[in-house]
Amino acid sequence: MDPKKRLTLLQQLMKRQSEEAMALVLNEGFDITGVAKRVRGYKNWNKIIHYENMAVDG
C-alpha cells in the first residue's frame, strides 16, 4: 500500500474514532500502604517502590 494513502486513511480512522467514541472511561484509583516503624527508606513514587533504598532495623 502506498505510504501516503496509508497515512491518510489512518488519520481519518483516528479522527473518526475520536469523534464517535462509544465510551469515555474515567478511573481514579488510590493506594493504601502500611509500613512498619522499623522500615527505613520506603518510598512509593508513582506506584513504584524502590526496594534498593529500603532497610529494616532490628
Protein backbone atom coordinates (compact mmCIF):
# COMPACT_ATOMS: atom_id res chain seq x y z
CA MET A 1 0.00 0.00 0.00
CA ASP A 2 1.17 3.49 -0.79
CA PRO A 3 2.58 5.04 2.43
CA LYS A 4 0.87 8.41 1.83
CA LYS A 5 -2.51 6.73 1.24
CA ARG A 6 -2.00 4.60 4.33
CA LEU A 7 -1.19 7.65 6.46
CA THR A 8 -4.27 9.50 5.19
CA LEU A 9 -6.52 6.51 5.95
CA LEU A 10 -5.06 6.08 9.43
CA GLN A 11 -5.56 9.76 10.19
CA GLN A 12 -9.19 9.57 9.04
CA LEU A 13 -9.80 6.48 11.16
CA MET A 14 -8.26 8.06 14.27
CA LYS A 15 -10.31 11.24 13.78
CA ARG A 16 -13.49 9.23 13.39
CA GLN A 17 -12.72 7.12 16.44
CA SER A 18 -12.09 10.25 18.48
CA GLU A 19 -15.29 11.97 17.33
CA GLU A 20 -17.52 8.91 17.68
CA ALA A 21 -16.19 7.37 20.87
CA MET A 22 -18.51 4.71 22.25
CA ALA A 23 -17.45 5.27 25.84
CA LEU A 24 -15.39 7.54 28.00
CA VAL A 25 -13.61 5.69 30.77
CA LEU A 26 -12.78 7.70 33.87
CA ASN A 27 -10.92 5.96 36.63
CA GLU A 28 -9.35 7.32 39.76
CA GLY A 29 -7.58 4.81 41.90
CA PHE A 30 -5.99 5.07 45.30
CA ASP A 31 -3.48 3.00 47.21
CA ILE A 32 -3.31 2.31 50.91
CA THR A 33 0.06 1.15 52.16
CA GLY A 34 1.13 0.16 55.65
CA VAL A 35 4.79 0.14 56.62
CA ALA A 36 6.25 -0.88 59.99
CA LYS A 37 8.13 1.75 62.01
CA ARG A 38 11.34 -0.24 61.67
CA VAL A 39 11.38 0.13 57.86
CA ARG A 40 13.61 2.93 56.62
CA GLY A 41 13.89 4.46 53.16
CA TYR A 42 10.44 3.44 51.94
CA LYS A 43 9.14 5.49 49.02
CA ASN A 44 6.15 4.80 46.85
CA TRP A 45 6.62 7.15 43.93
CA ASN A 46 4.15 6.79 41.08
CA LYS A 47 3.26 3.28 42.26
CA ILE A 48 6.90 2.22 42.03
CA ILE A 49 8.52 1.00 45.23
CA HIS A 50 12.29 1.44 45.30
CA TYR A 51 13.39 -1.59 47.29
CA GLU A 52 17.08 -0.84 46.80
CA ASN A 53 16.75 2.18 49.11
CA MET A 54 14.96 0.31 51.90
CA ALA A 55 16.31 -1.19 55.09
CA VAL A 56 14.78 -2.90 58.11
CA ASP A 57 16.01 -2.14 61.63
CA GLY A 58 16.26 -4.95 64.15
